[in-house]
Amino acid sequence: MTGTYSPDLIRDIVATAHALADAARPETLRHFRQGIGVDDKTGDGVGFDPVTEADRAAERAMRAILAQRRPADAILGEEYGAKSGTSGLTWVLDPIDGTRAYIAGTPTWGVLISVRDEHGPIFGVIDQPYIGERFEGGFGIARLDGPLGESRLATCASRALPEAIVMTTFPEIGSPAEQAGFEAVSRKARLTRYGMDCYAYALVALGQVDLVIEAGLNSYDICAPIAVIEAAGGVVTNWQGGPAHEGGRVIAAANAGIHAEALELLRQTG
């Protein structure tokens, strides 16, 4: 994919992505564990879709940088929606992926930043401000920079599903059919863990986790993880094996072997 982009453009995309992550970090950290107010975007008193000023401030900070550095690019952000562009590139931003975790004080929320073209994500960053870890992937880059230094990302080697670690954010993964699909995979796995939001996808890229299976995602939830995991050698598709960058039902796998094994179980449950 890098052949379609000039070296100068690649350098600018990567540098801009890091500038966005650098700008979002202080906006999220200044409010973390400080008793920040929470609004419910559902507004119906039935569901709960939280948003905080930290979400909004982080996205505003990133949009301000894009307006200065790459004004011709489109933007799709969770909090402030879509902005059209003329370059053919779209920045997809989730200022805090895991707002529920954020307001509960757990440290596994993150900032998701990605760039996509008409085919899908070409570069992505999963940034963990509180932990201080930054995962990036695309254009031949697959890298983690964190408290222990810099290392290359690589997904784990193929192993059978009975030896695998599977993750998802919510035990009640979605519709009854979607939950049945996840449970069909989970029952065969060695270990299932819940509640990690975007950090679960980072762990796939790091070689710690074999599968993440989720439903009901938006584009801003998954574009950055796709770029990072694919750069590390993994596979991310929808539950039918097709592109996943528009969201919906998503399976992220460490390799093609376990992806195929899990996908067959998901397909059987519809």
C-alpha atoms as a PDB file:
ATOM      1  CA  MET A   1       0.000   0.000   0.000  1.00  0.00           C
ATOM      2  CA  THR A   2       2.905   2.362   0.653  1.00  0.00           C
ATOM      3  CA  GLY A   3       3.715   2.375  -3.065  1.00  0.00           C
ATOM      4  CA  THR A   4       0.755   4.634  -3.762  1.00  0.00           C
ATOM      5  CA  TYR A   5       2.017   7.359  -1.412  1.00  0.00           C
ATOM      6  CA  SER A   6       5.155   9.440  -1.708  1.00  0.00           C
ATOM      7  CA  PRO A   7       7.789   9.233   1.038  1.00  0.00           C
ATOM      8  CA  ASP A   8       7.118  12.871   1.911  1.00  0.00           C
ATOM      9  CA  LEU A   9       3.403  12.235   2.320  1.00  0.00           C
ATOM     10  CA  ILE A  10       4.031   9.152   4.436  1.00  0.00           C
ATOM     11  CA  ARG A  11       6.371  11.079   6.717  1.00  0.00           C
ATOM     12  CA  ASP A  12       3.801  13.855   7.091  1.00  0.00           C
ATOM     13  CA  ILE A  13       0.959  11.444   7.869  1.00  0.00           C
ATOM     14  CA  VAL A  14       3.017   9.659  10.527  1.00  0.00           C
ATOM     15  CA  ALA A  15       4.269  12.898  12.055  1.00  0.00           C
ATOM     16  CA  THR A  16       0.753  14.349  12.105  1.00  0.00           C
ATOM     17  CA  ALA A  17      -0.655  11.239  13.771  1.00  0.00           C
ATOM     18  CA  HIS A  18       1.925  11.552  16.541  1.00  0.00           C
ATOM     19  CA  ALA A  19       1.170  15.259  16.895  1.00  0.00           C
ATOM     20  CA  LEU A  20      -2.496  14.411  17.370  1.00  0.00           C
ATOM     21  CA  ALA A  21      -1.709  11.796  20.009  1.00  0.00           C
ATOM     22  CA  ASP A  22       0.617  14.235  21.784  1.00  0.00           C
ATOM     23  CA  ALA A  23      -2.158  16.848  21.829  1.00  0.00           C
ATOM     24  CA  ALA A  24      -4.835  14.450  23.084  1.00  0.00           C
ATOM     25  CA  ARG A  25      -2.772  13.088  25.975  1.00  0.00           C
ATOM     26  CA  PRO A  26      -2.862  16.137  28.277  1.00  0.00           C
ATOM     27  CA  GLU A  27      -6.522  16.816  27.496  1.00  0.00           C
ATOM     28  CA  THR A  28      -7.479  13.331  28.680  1.00  0.00           C
ATOM     29  CA  LEU A  29      -5.080  13.158  31.626  1.00  0.00           C
ATOM     30  CA  ARG A  30      -6.060  16.504  33.143  1.00  0.00           C
ATOM     31  CA  HIS A  31      -9.526  15.121  33.915  1.00  0.00           C
ATOM     32  CA  PHE A  32      -8.714  11.465  34.649  1.00  0.00           C
ATOM     33  CA  ARG A  33      -9.720  10.332  38.160  1.00  0.00           C
ATOM     34  CA  GLN A  34     -10.764  13.912  38.959  1.00  0.00           C
ATOM     35  CA  GLY A  35     -14.507  13.388  39.289  1.00  0.00           C
ATOM     36  CA  ILE A  36     -15.356  14.743  35.862  1.00  0.00           C
ATOM     37  CA  GLY A  37     -19.016  15.229  34.944  1.00  0.00           C
ATOM     38  CA  VAL A  38     -20.618  12.711  32.635  1.00  0.00           C
ATOM     39  CA  ASP A  39     -23.340  13.253  30.029  1.00  0.00           C
ATOM     40  CA  ASP A  40     -25.423  10.455  28.509  1.00  0.00           C
ATOM     41  CA  LYS A  41     -25.603  10.718  24.722  1.00  0.00           C
ATOM     42  CA  THR A  42     -28.600   8.371  24.531  1.00  0.00           C
ATOM     43  CA  GLY A  43     -30.781  10.879  26.354  1.00  0.00           C
ATOM     44  CA  ASP A  44     -33.507   8.285  26.843  1.00  0.00           C
ATOM     45  CA  GLY A  45     -32.847   7.151  30.402  1.00  0.00           C
ATOM     46  CA  VAL A  46     -32.713   3.555  29.194  1.00  0.00           C
ATOM     47  CA  GLY A  47     -29.306   3.020  27.616  1.00  0.00           C
ATOM     48  CA  PHE A  48     -26.036   4.612  28.689  1.00  0.00           C
ATOM     49  CA  ASP A  49     -23.576   6.111  26.209  1.00  0.00           C
ATOM     50  CA  PRO A  50     -21.304   8.344  28.290  1.00  0.00           C
ATOM     51  CA  VAL A  51     -19.312  11.341  27.114  1.00  0.00           C
ATOM     52  CA  THR A  52     -17.185  13.759  29.109  1.00  0.00           C
ATOM     53  CA  GLU A  53     -15.459  17.068  28.553  1.00  0.00           C
ATOM     54  CA  ALA A  54     -12.237  15.070  28.246  1.00  0.00           C
ATOM     55  CA  ASP A  55     -13.634  13.325  25.142  1.00  0.00           C
ATOM     56  CA  ARG A  56     -14.662  16.624  23.610  1.00  0.00           C
ATOM     57  CA  ALA A  57     -11.496  18.527  24.524  1.00  0.00           C
ATOM     58  CA  ALA A  58      -9.226  15.806  23.142  1.00  0.00           C
ATOM     59  CA  GLU A  59     -11.083  15.753  19.837  1.00  0.00           C
ATOM     60  CA  ARG A  60     -11.059  19.559  19.598  1.00  0.00           C
ATOM     61  CA  ALA A  61      -7.298  19.550  20.145  1.00  0.00           C
ATOM     62  CA  MET A  62      -6.774  17.002  17.392  1.00  0.00           C
ATOM     63  CA  ARG A  63      -9.057  18.790  14.961  1.00  0.00           C
ATOM     64  CA  ALA A  64      -7.202  22.053  15.550  1.00  0.00           C
ATOM     65  CA  ILE A  65      -3.940  20.416  14.532  1.00  0.00           C
ATOM     66  CA  LEU A  66      -5.493  18.892  11.421  1.00  0.00           C
ATOM     67  CA  ALA A  67      -6.926  22.274  10.437  1.00  0.00           C
ATOM     68  CA  GLN A  68      -3.412  23.681  10.548  1.00  0.00           C
ATOM     69  CA  ARG A  69      -1.354  20.803   9.161  1.00  0.00           C
ATOM     70  CA  ARG A  70      -3.700  18.959   6.785  1.00  0.00           C
ATOM     71  CA  PRO A  71      -6.732  21.127   6.001  1.00  0.00           C
ATOM     72  CA  ALA A  72      -7.590  19.260   2.781  1.00  0.00           C
ATOM     73  CA  ASP A  73      -8.148  15.961   4.583  1.00  0.00           C
ATOM     74  CA  ALA A  74     -11.583  14.828   5.733  1.00  0.00           C
ATOM     75  CA  ILE A  75     -12.270  14.042   9.390  1.00  0.00           C
ATOM     76  CA  LEU A  76     -14.617  11.571  11.062  1.00  0.00           C
ATOM     77  CA  GLY A  77     -14.694  11.970  14.836  1.00  0.00           C
ATOM     78  CA  GLU A  78     -16.899  10.393  17.456  1.00  0.00           C
ATOM     79  CA  GLU A  79     -17.831  13.624  19.200  1.00  0.00           C
ATOM     80  CA  TYR A  80     -17.970  16.208  16.397  1.00  0.00           C
ATOM     81  CA  GLY A  81     -18.925  14.108  13.406  1.00  0.00           C
ATOM     82  CA  ALA A  82     -17.757  14.387   9.806  1.00  0.00           C
ATOM     83  CA  LYS A  83     -15.882  17.143   7.985  1.00  0.00           C
ATOM     84  CA  SER A  84     -15.495  16.810   4.233  1.00  0.00           C
ATOM     85  CA  GLY A  85     -12.156  17.025   2.459  1.00  0.00           C
ATOM     86  CA  THR A  86     -10.621  17.013  -1.003  1.00  0.00           C
ATOM     87  CA  SER A  87      -7.434  14.947  -0.582  1.00  0.00           C
ATOM     88  CA  GLY A  88      -9.000  11.477  -0.600  1.00  0.00           C
ATOM     89  CA  LEU A  89      -7.785  10.835   2.944  1.00  0.00           C
ATOM     90  CA  THR A  90      -9.906  10.775   6.106  1.00  0.00           C
ATOM     91  CA  TRP A  91      -8.688  11.026   9.679  1.00  0.00           C
ATOM     92  CA  VAL A  92     -10.815   8.802  11.901  1.00  0.00           C
ATOM     93  CA  LEU A  93     -10.687   9.877  15.548  1.00  0.00           C
ATOM     94  CA  ASP A  94     -11.939   8.387  18.787  1.00  0.00           C
ATOM     95  CA  PRO A  95     -10.714  10.793  21.460  1.00  0.00           C
ATOM     96  CA  ILE A  96     -11.397   8.326  24.274  1.00  0.00           C
ATOM     97  CA  ASP A  97     -12.150   4.753  23.338  1.00  0.00           C
ATOM     98  CA  GLY A  98     -13.460   3.293  26.579  1.00  0.00           C
ATOM     99  CA  THR A  99     -15.204   6.255  28.191  1.00  0.00           C
ATOM    100  CA  ARG A 100     -16.906   3.843  30.606  1.00  0.00           C
ATOM    101  CA  ALA A 101     -13.464   2.669  31.720  1.00  0.00           C
ATOM    102  CA  TYR A 102     -12.290   6.284  31.889  1.00  0.00           C
ATOM    103  CA  ILE A 103     -15.056   7.401  34.238  1.00  0.00           C
ATOM    104  CA  ALA A 104     -14.531   4.274  36.371  1.00  0.00           C
ATOM    105  CA  GLY A 105     -10.858   5.170  36.812  1.00  0.00           C
ATOM    106  CA  THR A 106      -9.392   2.129  35.078  1.00  0.00           C
ATOM    107  CA  PRO A 107      -6.336   2.809  32.882  1.00  0.00           C
ATOM    108  CA  THR A 108      -7.087   0.749  29.770  1.00  0.00           C
ATOM    109  CA  TRP A 109      -8.961   3.407  27.756  1.00  0.00           C
ATOM    110  CA  GLY A 110      -7.107   4.929  24.850  1.00  0.00           C
ATOM    111  CA  VAL A 111      -7.024   7.466  22.039  1.00  0.00           C
ATOM    112  CA  LEU A 112      -7.587   6.040  18.544  1.00  0.00           C
ATOM    113  CA  ILE A 113      -6.170   7.869  15.534  1.00  0.00           C
ATOM    114  CA  SER A 114      -6.158   6.543  11.992  1.00  0.00           C
ATOM    115  CA  VAL A 115      -5.986   7.630   8.389  1.00  0.00           C
ATOM    116  CA  ARG A 116      -7.976   5.816   5.726  1.00  0.00           C
ATOM    117  CA  ASP A 117      -8.412   6.080   1.995  1.00  0.00           C
ATOM    118  CA  GLU A 118     -11.137   4.593  -0.186  1.00  0.00           C
ATOM    119  CA  HIS A 119      -9.863   1.077   0.553  1.00  0.00           C
ATOM    120  CA  GLY A 120      -9.563   1.296   4.321  1.00  0.00           C
ATOM    121  CA  PRO A 121      -7.052   2.284   7.034  1.00  0.00           C
ATOM    122  CA  ILE A 122      -3.478   2.971   5.932  1.00  0.00           C
ATOM    123  CA  PHE A 123      -1.986   4.053   9.264  1.00  0.00           C
ATOM    124  CA  GLY A 124      -3.138   3.911  12.854  1.00  0.00           C
ATOM    125  CA  VAL A 125      -2.212   4.755  16.432  1.00  0.00           C
ATOM    126  CA  ILE A 126      -3.563   3.273  19.650  1.00  0.00           C
ATOM    127  CA  ASP A 127      -2.348   5.622  22.382  1.00  0.00           C
ATOM    128  CA  GLN A 128      -2.603   4.844  26.093  1.00  0.00           C
ATOM    129  CA  PRO A 129      -2.016   8.209  27.828  1.00  0.00           C
ATOM    130  CA  TYR A 130      -2.055   7.032  31.442  1.00  0.00           C
ATOM    131  CA  ILE A 131       0.063   3.937  30.855  1.00  0.00           C
ATOM    132  CA  GLY A 132       2.314   5.823  28.477  1.00  0.00           C
ATOM    133  CA  GLU A 133       2.221   3.248  25.693  1.00  0.00           C
ATOM    134  CA  ARG A 134       1.806   4.111  22.025  1.00  0.00           C
ATOM    135  CA  PHE A 135       1.124   1.415  19.419  1.00  0.00           C
ATOM    136  CA  GLU A 136       1.431   2.375  15.758  1.00  0.00           C
ATOM    137  CA  GLY A 137       1.133   0.513  12.493  1.00  0.00           C
ATOM    138  CA  GLY A 138       1.181   1.087   8.754  1.00  0.00           C
ATOM    139  CA  PHE A 139       3.621   2.024   5.958  1.00  0.00           C
ATOM    140  CA  GLY A 140       5.981  -0.741   7.109  1.00  0.00           C
ATOM    141  CA  ILE A 141       5.867   0.456  10.738  1.00  0.00           C
ATOM    142  CA  ALA A 142       4.756  -1.887  13.541  1.00  0.00           C
ATOM    143  CA  ARG A 143       6.001  -0.375  16.760  1.00  0.00           C
ATOM    144  CA  LEU A 144       5.322   0.045  20.464  1.00  0.00           C
ATOM    145  CA  ASP A 145       6.886   2.904  22.384  1.00  0.00           C
ATOM    146  CA  GLY A 146       6.356   2.824  26.130  1.00  0.00           C
ATOM    147  CA  PRO A 147       7.887   2.904  29.618  1.00  0.00           C
ATOM    148  CA  LEU A 148      10.112  -0.072  28.793  1.00  0.00           C
ATOM    149  CA  GLY A 149      11.383   1.486  25.587  1.00  0.00           C
ATOM    150  CA  GLU A 150      10.677   0.804  21.941  1.00  0.00           C
ATOM    151  CA  SER A 151       9.929  -2.618  20.436  1.00  0.00           C
ATOM    152  CA  ARG A 152       8.562  -4.085  17.250  1.00  0.00           C
ATOM    153  CA  LEU A 153       4.995  -5.351  17.251  1.00  0.00           C
ATOM    154  CA  ALA A 154       4.345  -8.907  16.087  1.00  0.00           C
ATOM    155  CA  THR A 155       1.266 -11.043  16.615  1.00  0.00           C
ATOM    156  CA  CYS A 156       1.629 -14.469  18.194  1.00  0.00           C
ATOM    157  CA  ALA A 157       2.282 -17.660  16.234  1.00  0.00           C
ATOM    158  CA  SER A 158      -0.594 -19.857  15.177  1.00  0.00           C
ATOM    159  CA  ARG A 159      -2.072 -22.098  17.819  1.00  0.00           C
ATOM    160  CA  ALA A 160      -5.306 -24.032  18.035  1.00  0.00           C
ATOM    161  CA  LEU A 161      -8.413 -22.446  19.535  1.00  0.00           C
ATOM    162  CA  PRO A 162      -8.284 -24.633  22.691  1.00  0.00           C
ATOM    163  CA  GLU A 163      -4.978 -22.919  23.510  1.00  0.00           C
ATOM    164  CA  ALA A 164      -6.137 -19.402  22.667  1.00  0.00           C
ATOM    165  CA  ILE A 165      -6.895 -16.254  24.643  1.00  0.00           C
ATOM    166  CA  VAL A 166     -10.078 -14.475  23.527  1.00  0.00           C
ATOM    167  CA  MET A 167     -11.213 -11.004  24.542  1.00  0.00           C
ATOM    168  CA  THR A 168     -14.234  -8.755  24.171  1.00  0.00           C
ATOM    169  CA  THR A 169     -15.341  -5.585  25.937  1.00  0.00           C
ATOM    170  CA  PHE A 170     -18.829  -6.546  27.101  1.00  0.00           C
ATOM    171  CA  PRO A 171     -20.033 -10.025  28.161  1.00  0.00           C
ATOM    172  CA  GLU A 172     -23.398  -9.064  26.628  1.00  0.00           C
ATOM    173  CA  ILE A 173     -21.725  -8.671  23.257  1.00  0.00           C
ATOM    174  CA  GLY A 174     -24.775  -7.571  21.257  1.00  0.00           C
ATOM    175  CA  SER A 175     -27.921  -9.281  19.996  1.00  0.00           C
ATOM    176  CA  PRO A 176     -28.734 -12.820  21.187  1.00  0.00           C
ATOM    177  CA  ALA A 177     -27.357 -14.191  17.909  1.00  0.00           C
ATOM    178  CA  GLU A 178     -24.150 -12.168  18.266  1.00  0.00           C
ATOM    179  CA  GLN A 179     -23.720 -13.280  21.859  1.00  0.00           C
ATOM    180  CA  ALA A 180     -24.243 -16.894  20.797  1.00  0.00           C
ATOM    181  CA  GLY A 181     -21.533 -16.498  18.176  1.00  0.00           C
ATOM    182  CA  PHE A 182     -19.045 -15.125  20.657  1.00  0.00           C
ATOM    183  CA  GLU A 183     -19.881 -17.808  23.215  1.00  0.00           C
ATOM    184  CA  ALA A 184     -19.369 -20.544  20.604  1.00  0.00           C
ATOM    185  CA  VAL A 185     -15.780 -19.344  20.220  1.00  0.00           C
ATOM    186  CA  SER A 186     -15.272 -18.587  23.900  1.00  0.00           C
ATOM    187  CA  ARG A 187     -16.330 -22.076  24.995  1.00  0.00           C
ATOM    188  CA  LYS A 188     -13.547 -23.594  22.903  1.00  0.00           C
ATOM    189  CA  ALA A 189     -10.842 -21.188  24.032  1.00  0.00           C
ATOM    190  CA  ARG A 190      -8.485 -21.624  26.951  1.00  0.00           C
ATOM    191  CA  LEU A 191      -9.140 -18.198  28.440  1.00  0.00           C
ATOM    192  CA  THR A 192     -11.672 -15.395  27.941  1.00  0.00           C
ATOM    193  CA  ARG A 193     -11.278 -11.910  29.374  1.00  0.00           C
ATOM    194  CA  TYR A 194     -13.560  -8.868  29.277  1.00  0.00           C
ATOM    195  CA  GLY A 195     -13.583  -5.103  29.502  1.00  0.00           C
ATOM    196  CA  MET A 196     -10.358  -3.910  27.856  1.00  0.00           C
ATOM    197  CA  ASP A 197     -11.794  -1.721  25.056  1.00  0.00           C
ATOM    198  CA  CYS A 198      -9.099  -0.741  22.525  1.00  0.00           C
ATOM    199  CA  TYR A 199      -6.331  -2.168  24.691  1.00  0.00           C
ATOM    200  CA  ALA A 200      -7.466  -5.684  23.766  1.00  0.00           C
ATOM    201  CA  TYR A 201      -6.663  -4.938  20.115  1.00  0.00           C
ATOM    202  CA  ALA A 202      -3.267  -3.574  21.123  1.00  0.00           C
ATOM    203  CA  LEU A 203      -2.591  -6.855  22.924  1.00  0.00           C
ATOM    204  CA  VAL A 204      -3.294  -8.768  19.715  1.00  0.00           C
ATOM    205  CA  ALA A 205      -0.678  -6.667  17.942  1.00  0.00           C
ATOM    206  CA  LEU A 206       1.705  -7.224  20.858  1.00  0.00           C
ATOM    207  CA  GLY A 207       1.433 -11.012  20.579  1.00  0.00           C
ATOM    208  CA  GLN A 208      -0.339 -11.511  23.906  1.00  0.00           C
ATOM    209  CA  VAL A 209      -3.896 -12.269  22.751  1.00  0.00           C
ATOM    210  CA  ASP A 210      -5.180 -14.466  19.915  1.00  0.00           C
ATOM    211  CA  LEU A 211      -8.650 -13.061  19.234  1.00  0.00           C
ATOM    212  CA  VAL A 212     -10.876 -10.057  19.898  1.00  0.00           C
ATOM    213  CA  ILE A 213     -14.513 -10.503  18.877  1.00  0.00           C
ATOM    214  CA  GLU A 214     -17.027  -7.645  19.098  1.00  0.00           C
ATOM    215  CA  ALA A 215     -20.257  -6.342  17.571  1.00  0.00           C
ATOM    216  CA  GLY A 216     -21.957  -2.988  17.209  1.00  0.00           C
ATOM    217  CA  LEU A 217     -18.749  -1.070  16.503  1.00  0.00           C
ATOM    218  CA  ASN A 218     -18.432   2.221  14.652  1.00  0.00           C
ATOM    219  CA  SER A 219     -15.716   3.112  12.181  1.00  0.00           C
ATOM    220  CA  TYR A 220     -13.878   5.212  14.746  1.00  0.00           C
ATOM    221  CA  ASP A 221     -13.752   2.193  17.101  1.00  0.00           C
ATOM    222  CA  ILE A 222     -11.913  -0.087  14.693  1.00  0.00           C
ATOM    223  CA  CYS A 223      -9.944   1.777  11.998  1.00  0.00           C
ATOM    224  CA  ALA A 224      -6.864   2.364  14.161  1.00  0.00           C
ATOM    225  CA  PRO A 225      -6.834  -1.208  15.527  1.00  0.00           C
ATOM    226  CA  ILE A 226      -7.085  -2.575  11.977  1.00  0.00           C
ATOM    227  CA  ALA A 227      -4.012  -0.644  10.878  1.00  0.00           C
ATOM    228  CA  VAL A 228      -1.964  -1.606  13.936  1.00  0.00           C
ATOM    229  CA  ILE A 229      -2.924  -5.295  13.960  1.00  0.00           C
ATOM    230  CA  GLU A 230      -2.446  -5.798  10.228  1.00  0.00           C
ATOM    231  CA  ALA A 231       0.969  -4.132  10.413  1.00  0.00           C
ATOM    232  CA  ALA A 232       1.897  -6.582  13.170  1.00  0.00           C
ATOM    233  CA  GLY A 233       0.885  -9.579  11.037  1.00  0.00           C
ATOM    234  CA  GLY A 234      -2.704 -10.113  12.151  1.00  0.00           C
ATOM    235  CA  VAL A 235      -6.060 -10.286  10.387  1.00  0.00           C
ATOM    236  CA  VAL A 236      -9.139  -8.101  10.999  1.00  0.00           C
ATOM    237  CA  THR A 237     -12.455  -8.705   9.197  1.00  0.00           C
ATOM    238  CA  ASN A 238     -16.155  -8.664   9.802  1.00  0.00           C
ATOM    239  CA  TRP A 239     -17.906 -11.884  10.803  1.00  0.00           C
ATOM    240  CA  GLN A 240     -18.324 -12.832   7.157  1.00  0.00           C
ATOM    241  CA  GLY A 241     -14.654 -12.416   6.357  1.00  0.00           C
ATOM    242  CA  GLY A 242     -15.077  -9.066   4.586  1.00  0.00           C
ATOM    243  CA  PRO A 243     -13.723  -5.558   5.306  1.00  0.00           C
ATOM    244  CA  ALA A 244     -14.334  -4.296   8.832  1.00  0.00           C
ATOM    245  CA  HIS A 245     -13.374  -0.624   8.651  1.00  0.00           C
ATOM    246  CA  GLU A 246     -16.983   0.576   8.644  1.00  0.00           C
ATOM    247  CA  GLY A 247     -17.581  -1.186  11.970  1.00  0.00           C
ATOM    248  CA  GLY A 248     -20.354  -3.612  12.861  1.00  0.00           C
ATOM    249  CA  ARG A 249     -19.359  -7.173  13.793  1.00  0.00           C
ATOM    250  CA  VAL A 250     -15.577  -7.475  13.971  1.00  0.00           C
ATOM    251  CA  ILE A 251     -13.075 -10.262  14.556  1.00  0.00           C
ATOM    252  CA  ALA A 252      -9.410  -9.423  15.075  1.00  0.00           C
ATOM    253  CA  ALA A 253      -7.054 -12.389  14.969  1.00  0.00           C
ATOM    254  CA  ALA A 254      -3.360 -12.931  15.513  1.00  0.00           C
ATOM    255  CA  ASN A 255      -3.007 -14.958  12.333  1.00  0.00           C
ATOM    256  CA  ALA A 256      -4.926 -16.497   9.446  1.00  0.00           C
ATOM    257  CA  GLY A 257      -5.177 -19.937  11.047  1.00  0.00           C
ATOM    258  CA  ILE A 258      -7.037 -18.975  14.202  1.00  0.00           C
ATOM    259  CA  HIS A 259      -9.019 -16.397  12.248  1.00  0.00           C
ATOM    260  CA  ALA A 260     -10.394 -19.133  10.001  1.00  0.00           C
ATOM    261  CA  GLU A 261     -11.175 -21.411  12.945  1.00  0.00           C
ATOM    262  CA  ALA A 262     -13.075 -18.727  14.857  1.00  0.00           C
ATOM    263  CA  LEU A 263     -14.774 -17.338  11.765  1.00  0.00           C
ATOM    264  CA  GLU A 264     -16.300 -20.705  10.964  1.00  0.00           C
ATOM    265  CA  LEU A 265     -17.943 -20.800  14.397  1.00  0.00           C
ATOM    266  CA  LEU A 266     -19.235 -17.241  14.048  1.00  0.00           C
ATOM    267  CA  ARG A 267     -20.717 -17.969  10.625  1.00  0.00           C
ATOM    268  CA  GLN A 268     -22.558 -21.001  11.979  1.00  0.00           C
ATOM    269  CA  THR A 269     -24.444 -18.842  14.457  1.00  0.00           C
ATOM    270  CA  GLY A 270     -25.400 -16.212  11.859  1.00  0.00           C
END
